[in-house]
């Protein structure tokens, strides 16, 4: 599985079968079986983050809707996966989205 994704299943036929990294977490290496760690405080990771500040995201253009890949859905290239917490909000460690003040 590429950066920004993980899978605890073996024998995957295609990277589309990998799961986007869980919201609030990041997946910064290839071949992960679970997310690497929490998104940094002051940042949010909405899903698919490939680093702790969500500056790099899952770059796949197609993903499966289930681990067995019964259906595919399109992903937007360059799709955002979080970033720095916006003014007027706060983001604790492992935030999946900004929380308004």
Protein backbone atom coordinates (compact mmCIF):
# COMPACT_ATOMS: atom_id res chain seq x y z
CA UNK A 1 0.00 0.00 0.00
CA UNK A 2 1.30 3.50 -0.82
CA UNK A 3 1.81 6.40 1.61
CA UNK A 4 -1.47 7.75 2.98
CA UNK A 5 -2.98 4.24 3.01
CA UNK A 6 -2.79 0.96 4.93
CA UNK A 7 -4.23 -2.54 4.90
CA UNK A 8 -4.22 -5.41 7.37
CA UNK A 9 -5.16 -7.84 4.57
CA UNK A 10 -2.50 -9.86 2.76
CA UNK A 11 -2.38 -10.78 -0.91
CA UNK A 12 -3.94 -7.58 -2.27
CA UNK A 13 -4.13 -7.53 -6.06
CA UNK A 14 -4.12 -3.75 -6.48
CA UNK A 15 -3.36 -0.59 -4.51
CA UNK A 16 -7.02 0.38 -4.92
CA UNK A 17 -7.73 -2.27 -2.25
CA UNK A 18 -5.75 -0.33 0.41
CA UNK A 19 -7.71 1.83 2.87
CA UNK A 20 -7.12 5.56 3.14
CA UNK A 21 -5.45 6.42 6.43
CA UNK A 22 -7.98 6.87 9.23
CA UNK A 23 -9.14 10.41 10.10
CA UNK A 24 -6.98 11.88 12.88
CA UNK A 25 -4.07 9.59 11.95
CA UNK A 26 -1.28 9.52 9.34
CA UNK A 27 0.37 6.76 7.27
CA UNK A 28 3.86 7.93 6.26
CA UNK A 29 5.37 4.76 4.82
CA UNK A 30 4.55 2.08 2.25
CA UNK A 31 3.17 -1.33 3.25
CA UNK A 32 1.66 -0.27 6.58
CA UNK A 33 -0.79 -2.64 8.27
CA UNK A 34 -2.19 0.12 10.50
CA UNK A 35 -1.86 3.93 10.75
CA UNK A 36 1.57 5.11 11.95
CA UNK A 37 0.45 7.71 14.50
CA UNK A 38 -1.71 10.66 15.50
CA UNK A 39 -1.98 13.84 13.46
CA UNK A 40 -0.02 16.69 15.13
CA UNK A 41 -1.69 19.15 17.48
CA UNK A 42 -2.59 22.33 15.57
CA UNK A 43 -3.35 20.30 12.42
CA UNK A 44 -6.21 18.07 11.33
CA UNK A 45 -6.16 14.93 9.20
CA UNK A 46 -9.53 14.23 7.58
CA UNK A 47 -8.43 10.89 6.08
CA UNK A 48 -5.64 9.75 3.76
CA UNK A 49 -2.85 11.81 5.40
CA UNK A 50 0.69 10.70 4.53
CA UNK A 51 2.34 12.86 7.20
CA UNK A 52 1.47 14.21 10.65
CA UNK A 53 0.52 17.67 9.28
CA UNK A 54 -1.54 16.39 6.32
CA UNK A 55 0.70 18.20 3.83
CA UNK A 56 0.91 15.02 1.71
CA UNK A 57 -2.17 12.90 0.99
CA UNK A 58 -3.23 9.55 -0.44
CA UNK A 59 -2.47 10.06 -4.16
CA UNK A 60 -4.53 7.17 -5.60
CA UNK A 61 -7.11 8.08 -8.25
CA UNK A 62 -9.26 4.97 -7.69
CA UNK A 63 -10.13 3.10 -4.49
CA UNK A 64 -12.32 0.15 -3.53
CA UNK A 65 -15.46 0.43 -1.45
CA UNK A 66 -14.73 -2.84 0.43
CA UNK A 67 -11.58 -4.89 1.18
CA UNK A 68 -12.68 -7.46 -1.41
CA UNK A 69 -12.95 -4.65 -3.98
CA UNK A 70 -16.47 -5.40 -5.20
CA UNK A 71 -16.86 -1.83 -6.42
CA UNK A 72 -14.55 1.07 -7.28
CA UNK A 73 -15.00 4.78 -6.73
CA UNK A 74 -13.08 7.67 -8.23
CA UNK A 75 -10.82 9.90 -6.15
CA UNK A 76 -9.80 13.41 -7.14
CA UNK A 77 -6.06 13.79 -7.80
CA UNK A 78 -4.66 16.26 -5.28
CA UNK A 79 -7.67 15.82 -2.98
CA UNK A 80 -7.05 17.57 0.36
CA UNK A 81 -6.77 15.47 3.49
CA UNK A 82 -6.48 18.15 6.18
CA UNK A 83 -3.87 20.76 7.05
CA UNK A 84 -3.20 23.52 9.52
CA UNK A 85 -6.07 24.31 11.84
CA UNK A 86 -7.97 27.38 10.53
CA UNK A 87 -8.20 30.63 12.50
CA UNK A 88 -11.19 30.52 14.85
CA UNK A 89 -10.85 26.76 15.36
CA UNK A 90 -8.72 24.43 17.43
CA UNK A 91 -7.22 21.04 16.61
CA UNK A 92 -6.06 18.78 19.39
CA UNK A 93 -3.70 15.85 18.85
CA UNK A 94 -5.38 13.34 16.46
CA UNK A 95 -8.02 15.77 15.17
CA UNK A 96 -10.03 14.53 12.20
CA UNK A 97 -11.53 17.99 11.60
CA UNK A 98 -11.22 21.48 13.08
CA UNK A 99 -13.42 22.30 16.07
CA UNK A 100 -14.92 25.82 16.07
CA UNK A 101 -14.10 27.88 19.17
